[in-house]
Amino acid sequence: LARMAGASSGGSVGFDDIDWRTGEFVYTSD
């Protein structure tokens, strides 16, 4: 749902919640 809303995150299992541009986890993104 967050990706559909525009969240930036990875795509491979185990790295789904990382913004590859920053290396930060995106769990607390808007």
mmCIF file of all heavy atoms, coordinates in Angstrom:
data_MODEL
# 
_entry.id   MODEL 
# 
loop_
_atom_site.group_PDB 
_atom_site.id 
_atom_site.type_symbol 
_atom_site.label_atom_id 
_atom_site.label_alt_id 
_atom_site.label_comp_id 
_atom_site.label_asym_id 
_atom_site.label_entity_id 
_atom_site.label_seq_id 
_atom_site.pdbx_PDB_ins_code 
_atom_site.Cartn_x 
_atom_site.Cartn_y 
_atom_site.Cartn_z 
_atom_site.occupancy 
_atom_site.B_iso_or_equiv 
_atom_site.pdbx_formal_charge 
_atom_site.auth_seq_id 
_atom_site.auth_comp_id 
_atom_site.auth_asym_id 
_atom_site.auth_atom_id 
_atom_site.pdbx_PDB_model_num 
ATOM 1   N N   . LEU A 1 1  ? 0.844  -1.194  0.000  1.00 0.00 ? 1  LEU A N   1 
ATOM 2   C CA  . LEU A 1 1  ? 0.000  0.000   0.000  1.00 0.00 ? 1  LEU A CA  1 
ATOM 3   C C   . LEU A 1 1  ? 0.882  1.249   0.000  1.00 0.00 ? 1  LEU A C   1 
ATOM 4   O O   . LEU A 1 1  ? 0.619  2.207   -0.729 1.00 0.00 ? 1  LEU A O   1 
ATOM 5   C CB  . LEU A 1 1  ? -0.929 0.002   1.218  1.00 0.00 ? 1  LEU A CB  1 
ATOM 6   C CG  . LEU A 1 1  ? -2.116 -0.973  1.155  1.00 0.00 ? 1  LEU A CG  1 
ATOM 7   C CD1 . LEU A 1 1  ? -2.767 -1.103  2.526  1.00 0.00 ? 1  LEU A CD1 1 
ATOM 8   C CD2 . LEU A 1 1  ? -3.126 -0.531  0.114  1.00 0.00 ? 1  LEU A CD2 1 
ATOM 9   N N   . ALA A 1 2  ? 1.938  1.227   0.809  1.00 0.00 ? 2  ALA A N   1 
ATOM 10  C CA  . ALA A 1 2  ? 2.855  2.371   0.866  1.00 0.00 ? 2  ALA A CA  1 
ATOM 11  C C   . ALA A 1 2  ? 3.534  2.599   -0.480 1.00 0.00 ? 2  ALA A C   1 
ATOM 12  O O   . ALA A 1 2  ? 3.685  3.741   -0.929 1.00 0.00 ? 2  ALA A O   1 
ATOM 13  C CB  . ALA A 1 2  ? 3.892  2.159   1.963  1.00 0.00 ? 2  ALA A CB  1 
ATOM 14  N N   . ARG A 1 3  ? 3.932  1.537   -1.148 1.00 0.00 ? 3  ARG A N   1 
ATOM 15  C CA  . ARG A 1 3  ? 4.545  1.679   -2.475 1.00 0.00 ? 3  ARG A CA  1 
ATOM 16  C C   . ARG A 1 3  ? 3.556  2.292   -3.460 1.00 0.00 ? 3  ARG A C   1 
ATOM 17  O O   . ARG A 1 3  ? 3.916  3.116   -4.286 1.00 0.00 ? 3  ARG A O   1 
ATOM 18  C CB  . ARG A 1 3  ? 5.014  0.328   -2.987 1.00 0.00 ? 3  ARG A CB  1 
ATOM 19  C CG  . ARG A 1 3  ? 6.275  -0.153  -2.336 1.00 0.00 ? 3  ARG A CG  1 
ATOM 20  C CD  . ARG A 1 3  ? 6.657  -1.481  -2.912 1.00 0.00 ? 3  ARG A CD  1 
ATOM 21  N NE  . ARG A 1 3  ? 7.851  -1.994  -2.251 1.00 0.00 ? 3  ARG A NE  1 
ATOM 22  C CZ  . ARG A 1 3  ? 8.288  -3.212  -2.404 1.00 0.00 ? 3  ARG A CZ  1 
ATOM 23  N NH1 . ARG A 1 3  ? 7.649  -4.066  -3.181 1.00 0.00 ? 3  ARG A NH1 1 
ATOM 24  N NH2 . ARG A 1 3  ? 9.378  -3.604  -1.779 1.00 0.00 ? 3  ARG A NH2 1 
ATOM 25  N N   . MET A 1 4  ? 2.289  1.841   -3.387 1.00 0.00 ? 4  MET A N   1 
ATOM 26  C CA  . MET A 1 4  ? 1.281  2.412   -4.278 1.00 0.00 ? 4  MET A CA  1 
ATOM 27  C C   . MET A 1 4  ? 1.109  3.900   -4.018 1.00 0.00 ? 4  MET A C   1 
ATOM 28  O O   . MET A 1 4  ? 0.736  4.650   -4.922 1.00 0.00 ? 4  MET A O   1 
ATOM 29  C CB  . MET A 1 4  ? -0.052 1.684   -4.099 1.00 0.00 ? 4  MET A CB  1 
ATOM 30  C CG  . MET A 1 4  ? -0.053 0.288   -4.649 1.00 0.00 ? 4  MET A CG  1 
ATOM 31  S SD  . MET A 1 4  ? -1.672 -0.473  -4.376 1.00 0.00 ? 4  MET A SD  1 
ATOM 32  C CE  . MET A 1 4  ? -1.176 -2.119  -3.911 1.00 0.00 ? 4  MET A CE  1 
ATOM 33  N N   . ALA A 1 5  ? 1.402  4.317   -2.791 1.00 0.00 ? 5  ALA A N   1 
ATOM 34  C CA  . ALA A 1 5  ? 1.285  5.736   -2.431 1.00 0.00 ? 5  ALA A CA  1 
ATOM 35  C C   . ALA A 1 5  ? 2.567  6.504   -2.732 1.00 0.00 ? 5  ALA A C   1 
ATOM 36  O O   . ALA A 1 5  ? 2.634  7.703   -2.487 1.00 0.00 ? 5  ALA A O   1 
ATOM 37  C CB  . ALA A 1 5  ? 0.935  5.878   -0.950 1.00 0.00 ? 5  ALA A CB  1 
ATOM 38  N N   . GLY A 1 6  ? 3.587  5.813   -3.228 1.00 0.00 ? 6  GLY A N   1 
ATOM 39  C CA  . GLY A 1 6  ? 4.807  6.500   -3.631 1.00 0.00 ? 6  GLY A CA  1 
ATOM 40  C C   . GLY A 1 6  ? 6.015  6.280   -2.754 1.00 0.00 ? 6  GLY A C   1 
ATOM 41  O O   . GLY A 1 6  ? 7.054  6.907   -2.958 1.00 0.00 ? 6  GLY A O   1 
ATOM 42  N N   . ALA A 1 7  ? 5.921  5.385   -1.766 1.00 0.00 ? 7  ALA A N   1 
ATOM 43  C CA  . ALA A 1 7  ? 7.086  5.117   -0.907 1.00 0.00 ? 7  ALA A CA  1 
ATOM 44  C C   . ALA A 1 7  ? 8.212  4.542   -1.746 1.00 0.00 ? 7  ALA A C   1 
ATOM 45  O O   . ALA A 1 7  ? 7.995  3.730   -2.633 1.00 0.00 ? 7  ALA A O   1 
ATOM 46  C CB  . ALA A 1 7  ? 6.720  4.154   0.212  1.00 0.00 ? 7  ALA A CB  1 
ATOM 47  N N   . SER A 1 8  ? 9.402  4.969   -1.441 1.00 0.00 ? 8  SER A N   1 
ATOM 48  C CA  . SER A 1 8  ? 10.569 4.438   -2.123 1.00 0.00 ? 8  SER A CA  1 
ATOM 49  C C   . SER A 1 8  ? 11.120 3.307   -1.272 1.00 0.00 ? 8  SER A C   1 
ATOM 50  O O   . SER A 1 8  ? 11.449 3.496   -0.110 1.00 0.00 ? 8  SER A O   1 
ATOM 51  C CB  . SER A 1 8  ? 11.624 5.533   -2.274 1.00 0.00 ? 8  SER A CB  1 
ATOM 52  O OG  . SER A 1 8  ? 12.785 4.992   -2.845 1.00 0.00 ? 8  SER A OG  1 
ATOM 53  N N   . SER A 1 9  ? 11.158 2.119   -1.864 1.00 0.00 ? 9  SER A N   1 
ATOM 54  C CA  . SER A 1 9  ? 11.740 0.988   -1.141 1.00 0.00 ? 9  SER A CA  1 
ATOM 55  C C   . SER A 1 9  ? 12.234 -0.036  -2.130 1.00 0.00 ? 9  SER A C   1 
ATOM 56  O O   . SER A 1 9  ? 11.861 -0.026  -3.298 1.00 0.00 ? 9  SER A O   1 
ATOM 57  C CB  . SER A 1 9  ? 10.715 0.377   -0.181 1.00 0.00 ? 9  SER A CB  1 
ATOM 58  O OG  . SER A 1 9  ? 9.576  -0.045  -0.865 1.00 0.00 ? 9  SER A OG  1 
ATOM 59  N N   . GLY A 1 10 ? 13.072 -0.932  -1.626 1.00 0.00 ? 10 GLY A N   1 
ATOM 60  C CA  . GLY A 1 10 ? 13.661 -1.957  -2.465 1.00 0.00 ? 10 GLY A CA  1 
ATOM 61  C C   . GLY A 1 10 ? 12.640 -2.980  -2.904 1.00 0.00 ? 10 GLY A C   1 
ATOM 62  O O   . GLY A 1 10 ? 11.483 -2.921  -2.542 1.00 0.00 ? 10 GLY A O   1 
ATOM 63  N N   . GLY A 1 11 ? 13.094 -3.943  -3.652 1.00 0.00 ? 11 GLY A N   1 
ATOM 64  C CA  . GLY A 1 11 ? 12.154 -4.904  -4.178 1.00 0.00 ? 11 GLY A CA  1 
ATOM 65  C C   . GLY A 1 11 ? 12.483 -6.348  -3.918 1.00 0.00 ? 11 GLY A C   1 
ATOM 66  O O   . GLY A 1 11 ? 11.694 -7.213  -4.192 1.00 0.00 ? 11 GLY A O   1 
ATOM 67  N N   . SER A 1 12 ? 13.639 -6.639  -3.362 1.00 0.00 ? 12 SER A N   1 
ATOM 68  C CA  . SER A 1 12 ? 13.959 -8.042  -3.150 1.00 0.00 ? 12 SER A CA  1 
ATOM 69  C C   . SER A 1 12 ? 13.682 -8.419  -1.698 1.00 0.00 ? 12 SER A C   1 
ATOM 70  O O   . SER A 1 12 ? 13.793 -7.603  -0.794 1.00 0.00 ? 12 SER A O   1 
ATOM 71  C CB  . SER A 1 12 ? 15.412 -8.321  -3.506 1.00 0.00 ? 12 SER A CB  1 
ATOM 72  O OG  . SER A 1 12 ? 16.256 -7.459  -2.791 1.00 0.00 ? 12 SER A OG  1 
ATOM 73  N N   . VAL A 1 13 ? 13.305 -9.660  -1.514 1.00 0.00 ? 13 VAL A N   1 
ATOM 74  C CA  . VAL A 1 13 ? 12.957 -10.133 -0.180 1.00 0.00 ? 13 VAL A CA  1 
ATOM 75  C C   . VAL A 1 13 ? 14.123 -9.900  0.771  1.00 0.00 ? 13 VAL A C   1 
ATOM 76  O O   . VAL A 1 13 ? 15.267 -10.174 0.459  1.00 0.00 ? 13 VAL A O   1 
ATOM 77  C CB  . VAL A 1 13 ? 12.579 -11.625 -0.238 1.00 0.00 ? 13 VAL A CB  1 
ATOM 78  C CG1 . VAL A 1 13 ? 12.310 -12.160 1.154  1.00 0.00 ? 13 VAL A CG1 1 
ATOM 79  C CG2 . VAL A 1 13 ? 11.388 -11.829 -1.149 1.00 0.00 ? 13 VAL A CG2 1 
ATOM 80  N N   . GLY A 1 14 ? 13.808 -9.383  1.927  1.00 0.00 ? 14 GLY A N   1 
ATOM 81  C CA  . GLY A 1 14 ? 14.830 -9.076  2.916  1.00 0.00 ? 14 GLY A CA  1 
ATOM 82  C C   . GLY A 1 14 ? 15.306 -7.638  2.860  1.00 0.00 ? 14 GLY A C   1 
ATOM 83  O O   . GLY A 1 14 ? 15.888 -7.139  3.800  1.00 0.00 ? 14 GLY A O   1 
ATOM 84  N N   . PHE A 1 15 ? 15.071 -6.990  1.728  1.00 0.00 ? 15 PHE A N   1 
ATOM 85  C CA  . PHE A 1 15 ? 15.486 -5.599  1.574  1.00 0.00 ? 15 PHE A CA  1 
ATOM 86  C C   . PHE A 1 15 ? 14.318 -4.731  1.112  1.00 0.00 ? 15 PHE A C   1 
ATOM 87  O O   . PHE A 1 15 ? 14.506 -3.711  0.481  1.00 0.00 ? 15 PHE A O   1 
ATOM 88  C CB  . PHE A 1 15 ? 16.641 -5.491  0.569  1.00 0.00 ? 15 PHE A CB  1 
ATOM 89  C CG  . PHE A 1 15 ? 17.849 -6.268  0.990  1.00 0.00 ? 15 PHE A CG  1 
ATOM 90  C CD1 . PHE A 1 15 ? 18.118 -7.495  0.419  1.00 0.00 ? 15 PHE A CD1 1 
ATOM 91  C CD2 . PHE A 1 15 ? 18.685 -5.786  1.975  1.00 0.00 ? 15 PHE A CD2 1 
ATOM 92  C CE1 . PHE A 1 15 ? 19.224 -8.223  0.814  1.00 0.00 ? 15 PHE A CE1 1 
ATOM 93  C CE2 . PHE A 1 15 ? 19.793 -6.510  2.372  1.00 0.00 ? 15 PHE A CE2 1 
ATOM 94  C CZ  . PHE A 1 15 ? 20.065 -7.738  1.795  1.00 0.00 ? 15 PHE A CZ  1 
ATOM 95  N N   . ASP A 1 16 ? 13.111 -5.162  1.427  1.00 0.00 ? 16 ASP A N   1 
ATOM 96  C CA  . ASP A 1 16 ? 11.916 -4.488  0.952  1.00 0.00 ? 16 ASP A CA  1 
ATOM 97  C C   . ASP A 1 16 ? 11.723 -3.096  1.531  1.00 0.00 ? 16 ASP A C   1 
ATOM 98  O O   . ASP A 1 16 ? 11.057 -2.271  0.936  1.00 0.00 ? 16 ASP A O   1 
ATOM 99  C CB  . ASP A 1 16 ? 10.674 -5.317  1.292  1.00 0.00 ? 16 ASP A CB  1 
ATOM 100 C CG  . ASP A 1 16 ? 10.615 -6.574  0.459  1.00 0.00 ? 16 ASP A CG  1 
ATOM 101 O OD1 . ASP A 1 16 ? 10.379 -6.473  -0.744 1.00 0.00 ? 16 ASP A OD1 1 
ATOM 102 O OD2 . ASP A 1 16 ? 10.814 -7.637  1.044  1.00 0.00 ? 16 ASP A OD2 1 
ATOM 103 N N   . ASP A 1 17 ? 12.225 -2.858  2.707  1.00 0.00 ? 17 ASP A N   1 
ATOM 104 C CA  . ASP A 1 17 ? 11.899 -1.629  3.419  1.00 0.00 ? 17 ASP A CA  1 
ATOM 105 C C   . ASP A 1 17 ? 13.063 -0.655  3.504  1.00 0.00 ? 17 ASP A C   1 
ATOM 106 O O   . ASP A 1 17 ? 13.173 0.109   4.462  1.00 0.00 ? 17 ASP A O   1 
ATOM 107 C CB  . ASP A 1 17 ? 11.378 -1.988  4.810  1.00 0.00 ? 17 ASP A CB  1 
ATOM 108 C CG  . ASP A 1 17 ? 10.176 -2.908  4.712  1.00 0.00 ? 17 ASP A CG  1 
ATOM 109 O OD1 . ASP A 1 17 ? 9.196  -2.515  4.068  1.00 0.00 ? 17 ASP A OD1 1 
ATOM 110 O OD2 . ASP A 1 17 ? 10.240 -4.019  5.262  1.00 0.00 ? 17 ASP A OD2 1 
ATOM 111 N N   . ILE A 1 18 ? 13.912 -0.683  2.509  1.00 0.00 ? 18 ILE A N   1 
ATOM 112 C CA  . ILE A 1 18 ? 15.049 0.230   2.452  1.00 0.00 ? 18 ILE A CA  1 
ATOM 113 C C   . ILE A 1 18 ? 14.896 1.143   1.244  1.00 0.00 ? 18 ILE A C   1 
ATOM 114 O O   . ILE A 1 18 ? 14.607 0.682   0.145  1.00 0.00 ? 18 ILE A O   1 
ATOM 115 C CB  . ILE A 1 18 ? 16.389 -0.537  2.354  1.00 0.00 ? 18 ILE A CB  1 
ATOM 116 C CG1 . ILE A 1 18 ? 16.607 -1.388  3.609  1.00 0.00 ? 18 ILE A CG1 1 
ATOM 117 C CG2 . ILE A 1 18 ? 17.547 0.417   2.117  1.00 0.00 ? 18 ILE A CG2 1 
ATOM 118 C CD1 . ILE A 1 18 ? 17.817 -2.290  3.522  1.00 0.00 ? 18 ILE A CD1 1 
ATOM 119 N N   . ASP A 1 19 ? 15.070 2.421   1.450  1.00 0.00 ? 19 ASP A N   1 
ATOM 120 C CA  . ASP A 1 19 ? 15.135 3.370   0.341  1.00 0.00 ? 19 ASP A CA  1 
ATOM 121 C C   . ASP A 1 19 ? 16.550 3.281   -0.207 1.00 0.00 ? 19 ASP A C   1 
ATOM 122 O O   . ASP A 1 19 ? 17.509 3.699   0.444  1.00 0.00 ? 19 ASP A O   1 
ATOM 123 C CB  . ASP A 1 19 ? 14.828 4.783   0.835  1.00 0.00 ? 19 ASP A CB  1 
ATOM 124 C CG  . ASP A 1 19 ? 14.836 5.815   -0.285 1.00 0.00 ? 19 ASP A CG  1 
ATOM 125 O OD1 . ASP A 1 19 ? 15.454 5.565   -1.347 1.00 0.00 ? 19 ASP A OD1 1 
ATOM 126 O OD2 . ASP A 1 19 ? 14.213 6.869   -0.097 1.00 0.00 ? 19 ASP A OD2 1 
ATOM 127 N N   . TRP A 1 20 ? 16.680 2.703   -1.395 1.00 0.00 ? 20 TRP A N   1 
ATOM 128 C CA  . TRP A 1 20 ? 18.013 2.470   -1.962 1.00 0.00 ? 20 TRP A CA  1 
ATOM 129 C C   . TRP A 1 20 ? 18.748 3.770   -2.272 1.00 0.00 ? 20 TRP A C   1 
ATOM 130 O O   . TRP A 1 20 ? 19.968 3.764   -2.413 1.00 0.00 ? 20 TRP A O   1 
ATOM 131 C CB  . TRP A 1 20 ? 17.895 1.605   -3.218 1.00 0.00 ? 20 TRP A CB  1 
ATOM 132 C CG  . TRP A 1 20 ? 17.491 0.205   -2.883 1.00 0.00 ? 20 TRP A CG  1 
ATOM 133 C CD1 . TRP A 1 20 ? 16.286 -0.367  -3.125 1.00 0.00 ? 20 TRP A CD1 1 
ATOM 134 C CD2 . TRP A 1 20 ? 18.268 -0.782  -2.211 1.00 0.00 ? 20 TRP A CD2 1 
ATOM 135 N NE1 . TRP A 1 20 ? 16.264 -1.653  -2.648 1.00 0.00 ? 20 TRP A NE1 1 
ATOM 136 C CE2 . TRP A 1 20 ? 17.470 -1.936  -2.082 1.00 0.00 ? 20 TRP A CE2 1 
ATOM 137 C CE3 . TRP A 1 20 ? 19.565 -0.800  -1.704 1.00 0.00 ? 20 TRP A CE3 1 
ATOM 138 C CZ2 . TRP A 1 20 ? 17.914 -3.094  -1.471 1.00 0.00 ? 20 TRP A CZ2 1 
ATOM 139 C CZ3 . TRP A 1 20 ? 20.013 -1.962  -1.092 1.00 0.00 ? 20 TRP A CZ3 1 
ATOM 140 C CH2 . TRP A 1 20 ? 19.202 -3.086  -0.981 1.00 0.00 ? 20 TRP A CH2 1 
ATOM 141 N N   . ARG A 1 21 ? 18.026 4.870   -2.353 1.00 0.00 ? 21 ARG A N   1 
ATOM 142 C CA  . ARG A 1 21 ? 18.686 6.154   -2.625 1.00 0.00 ? 21 ARG A CA  1 
ATOM 143 C C   . ARG A 1 21 ? 19.447 6.661   -1.411 1.00 0.00 ? 21 ARG A C   1 
ATOM 144 O O   . ARG A 1 21 ? 20.448 7.344   -1.543 1.00 0.00 ? 21 ARG A O   1 
ATOM 145 C CB  . ARG A 1 21 ? 17.663 7.192   -3.074 1.00 0.00 ? 21 ARG A CB  1 
ATOM 146 C CG  . ARG A 1 21 ? 16.953 6.828   -4.367 1.00 0.00 ? 21 ARG A CG  1 
ATOM 147 C CD  . ARG A 1 21 ? 15.797 7.746   -4.640 1.00 0.00 ? 21 ARG A CD  1 
ATOM 148 N NE  . ARG A 1 21 ? 14.866 7.672   -3.509 1.00 0.00 ? 21 ARG A NE  1 
ATOM 149 C CZ  . ARG A 1 21 ? 13.764 8.379   -3.409 1.00 0.00 ? 21 ARG A CZ  1 
ATOM 150 N NH1 . ARG A 1 21 ? 13.436 9.231   -4.337 1.00 0.00 ? 21 ARG A NH1 1 
ATOM 151 N NH2 . ARG A 1 21 ? 12.968 8.245   -2.362 1.00 0.00 ? 21 ARG A NH2 1 
ATOM 152 N N   . THR A 1 22 ? 18.932 6.318   -0.212 1.00 0.00 ? 22 THR A N   1 
ATOM 153 C CA  . THR A 1 22 ? 19.530 6.841   1.021  1.00 0.00 ? 22 THR A CA  1 
ATOM 154 C C   . THR A 1 22 ? 20.126 5.759   1.905  1.00 0.00 ? 22 THR A C   1 
ATOM 155 O O   . THR A 1 22 ? 20.929 6.052   2.793  1.00 0.00 ? 22 THR A O   1 
ATOM 156 C CB  . THR A 1 22 ? 18.480 7.590   1.861  1.00 0.00 ? 22 THR A CB  1 
ATOM 157 O OG1 . THR A 1 22 ? 17.475 6.650   2.279  1.00 0.00 ? 22 THR A OG1 1 
ATOM 158 C CG2 . THR A 1 22 ? 17.849 8.723   1.055  1.00 0.00 ? 22 THR A CG2 1 
ATOM 159 N N   . GLY A 1 23 ? 19.722 4.509   1.701  1.00 0.00 ? 23 GLY A N   1 
ATOM 160 C CA  . GLY A 1 23 ? 20.165 3.422   2.563  1.00 0.00 ? 23 GLY A CA  1 
ATOM 161 C C   . GLY A 1 23 ? 19.408 3.370   3.880  1.00 0.00 ? 23 GLY A C   1 
ATOM 162 O O   . GLY A 1 23 ? 19.736 2.587   4.758  1.00 0.00 ? 23 GLY A O   1 
ATOM 163 N N   . GLU A 1 24 ? 18.365 4.187   4.010  1.00 0.00 ? 24 GLU A N   1 
ATOM 164 C CA  . GLU A 1 24 ? 17.592 4.255   5.254  1.00 0.00 ? 24 GLU A CA  1 
ATOM 165 C C   . GLU A 1 24 ? 16.352 3.358   5.169  1.00 0.00 ? 24 GLU A C   1 
ATOM 166 O O   . GLU A 1 24 ? 15.754 3.211   4.110  1.00 0.00 ? 24 GLU A O   1 
ATOM 167 C CB  . GLU A 1 24 ? 17.135 5.700   5.513  1.00 0.00 ? 24 GLU A CB  1 
ATOM 168 C CG  . GLU A 1 24 ? 18.262 6.707   5.648  1.00 0.00 ? 24 GLU A CG  1 
ATOM 169 C CD  . GLU A 1 24 ? 19.048 6.537   6.931  1.00 0.00 ? 24 GLU A CD  1 
ATOM 170 O OE1 . GLU A 1 24 ? 18.437 6.182   7.952  1.00 0.00 ? 24 GLU A OE1 1 
ATOM 171 O OE2 . GLU A 1 24 ? 20.275 6.737   6.903  1.00 0.00 ? 24 GLU A OE2 1 
ATOM 172 N N   . PHE A 1 25 ? 15.976 2.805   6.325  1.00 0.00 ? 25 PHE A N   1 
ATOM 173 C CA  . PHE A 1 25 ? 14.711 2.095   6.403  1.00 0.00 ? 25 PHE A CA  1 
ATOM 174 C C   . PHE A 1 25 ? 13.578 3.109   6.301  1.00 0.00 ? 25 PHE A C   1 
ATOM 175 O O   . PHE A 1 25 ? 13.704 4.229   6.775  1.00 0.00 ? 25 PHE A O   1 
ATOM 176 C CB  . PHE A 1 25 ? 14.602 1.307   7.716  1.00 0.00 ? 25 PHE A CB  1 
ATOM 177 C CG  . PHE A 1 25 ? 15.432 0.050   7.706  1.00 0.00 ? 25 PHE A CG  1 
ATOM 178 C CD1 . PHE A 1 25 ? 16.688 0.034   8.279  1.00 0.00 ? 25 PHE A CD1 1 
ATOM 179 C CD2 . PHE A 1 25 ? 14.951 -1.099  7.103  1.00 0.00 ? 25 PHE A CD2 1 
ATOM 180 C CE1 . PHE A 1 25 ? 17.457 -1.111  8.271  1.00 0.00 ? 25 PHE A CE1 1 
ATOM 181 C CE2 . PHE A 1 25 ? 15.708 -2.251  7.077  1.00 0.00 ? 25 PHE A CE2 1 
ATOM 182 C CZ  . PHE A 1 25 ? 16.970 -2.261  7.659  1.00 0.00 ? 25 PHE A CZ  1 
ATOM 183 N N   . VAL A 1 26 ? 12.482 2.695   5.702  1.00 0.00 ? 26 VAL A N   1 
ATOM 184 C CA  . VAL A 1 26 ? 11.375 3.625   5.443  1.00 0.00 ? 26 VAL A CA  1 
ATOM 185 C C   . VAL A 1 26 ? 10.133 3.324   6.283  1.00 0.00 ? 26 VAL A C   1 
ATOM 186 O O   . VAL A 1 26 ? 9.045  3.789   5.973  1.00 0.00 ? 26 VAL A O   1 
ATOM 187 C CB  . VAL A 1 26 ? 11.006 3.635   3.936  1.00 0.00 ? 26 VAL A CB  1 
ATOM 188 C CG1 . VAL A 1 26 ? 12.134 4.207   3.107  1.00 0.00 ? 26 VAL A CG1 1 
ATOM 189 C CG2 . VAL A 1 26 ? 10.623 2.243   3.461  1.00 0.00 ? 26 VAL A CG2 1 
ATOM 190 N N   . TYR A 1 27 ? 10.317 2.597   7.373  1.00 0.00 ? 27 TYR A N   1 
ATOM 191 C CA  . TYR A 1 27 ? 9.168  2.206   8.207  1.00 0.00 ? 27 TYR A CA  1 
ATOM 192 C C   . TYR A 1 27 ? 8.374  3.391   8.734  1.00 0.00 ? 27 TYR A C   1 
ATOM 193 O O   . TYR A 1 27 ? 7.187  3.268   8.990  1.00 0.00 ? 27 TYR A O   1 
ATOM 194 C CB  . TYR A 1 27 ? 9.631  1.375   9.403  1.00 0.00 ? 27 TYR A CB  1 
ATOM 195 C CG  . TYR A 1 27 ? 10.264 0.065   9.041  1.00 0.00 ? 27 TYR A CG  1 
ATOM 196 C CD1 . TYR A 1 27 ? 11.571 -0.210  9.408  1.00 0.00 ? 27 TYR A CD1 1 
ATOM 197 C CD2 . TYR A 1 27 ? 9.550  -0.906  8.346  1.00 0.00 ? 27 TYR A CD2 1 
ATOM 198 C CE1 . TYR A 1 27 ? 12.157 -1.422  9.095  1.00 0.00 ? 27 TYR A CE1 1 
ATOM 199 C CE2 . TYR A 1 27 ? 10.131 -2.120  8.027  1.00 0.00 ? 27 TYR A CE2 1 
ATOM 200 C CZ  . TYR A 1 27 ? 11.436 -2.371  8.409  1.00 0.00 ? 27 TYR A CZ  1 
ATOM 201 O OH  . TYR A 1 27 ? 12.010 -3.559  8.091  1.00 0.00 ? 27 TYR A OH  1 
ATOM 202 N N   . THR A 1 28 ? 9.019  4.522   8.921  1.00 0.00 ? 28 THR A N   1 
ATOM 203 C CA  . THR A 1 28 ? 8.324  5.679   9.484  1.00 0.00 ? 28 THR A CA  1 
ATOM 204 C C   . THR A 1 28 ? 8.018  6.747   8.433  1.00 0.00 ? 28 THR A C   1 
ATOM 205 O O   . THR A 1 28 ? 7.668  7.869   8.786  1.00 0.00 ? 28 THR A O   1 
ATOM 206 C CB  . THR A 1 28 ? 9.144  6.306   10.629 1.00 0.00 ? 28 THR A CB  1 
ATOM 207 O OG1 . THR A 1 28 ? 10.423 6.686   10.119 1.00 0.00 ? 28 THR A OG1 1 
ATOM 208 C CG2 . THR A 1 28 ? 9.314  5.329   11.774 1.00 0.00 ? 28 THR A CG2 1 
ATOM 209 N N   . SER A 1 29 ? 8.091  6.368   7.163  1.00 0.00 ? 29 SER A N   1 
ATOM 210 C CA  . SER A 1 29 ? 7.771  7.337   6.112  1.00 0.00 ? 29 SER A CA  1 
ATOM 211 C C   . SER A 1 29 ? 6.274  7.655   6.165  1.00 0.00 ? 29 SER A C   1 
ATOM 212 O O   . SER A 1 29 ? 5.469  6.891   6.700  1.00 0.00 ? 29 SER A O   1 
ATOM 213 C CB  . SER A 1 29 ? 8.132  6.789   4.730  1.00 0.00 ? 29 SER A CB  1 
ATOM 214 O OG  . SER A 1 29 ? 7.251  5.736   4.378  1.00 0.00 ? 29 SER A OG  1 
ATOM 215 N N   . ASP A 1 30 ? 5.908  8.788   5.613  1.00 0.00 ? 30 ASP A N   1 
ATOM 216 C CA  . ASP A 1 30 ? 4.503  9.193   5.577  1.00 0.00 ? 30 ASP A CA  1 
ATOM 217 C C   . ASP A 1 30 ? 3.631  8.134   4.906  1.00 0.00 ? 30 ASP A C   1 
ATOM 218 O O   . ASP A 1 30 ? 2.514  7.862   5.344  1.00 0.00 ? 30 ASP A O   1 
ATOM 219 C CB  . ASP A 1 30 ? 4.336  10.529  4.849  1.00 0.00 ? 30 ASP A CB  1 
ATOM 220 C CG  . ASP A 1 30 ? 4.922  11.699  5.626  1.00 0.00 ? 30 ASP A CG  1 
ATOM 221 O OD1 . ASP A 1 30 ? 5.142  11.562  6.850  1.00 0.00 ? 30 ASP A OD1 1 
ATOM 222 O OD2 . ASP A 1 30 ? 5.146  12.752  5.001  1.00 0.00 ? 30 ASP A OD2 1 
# 
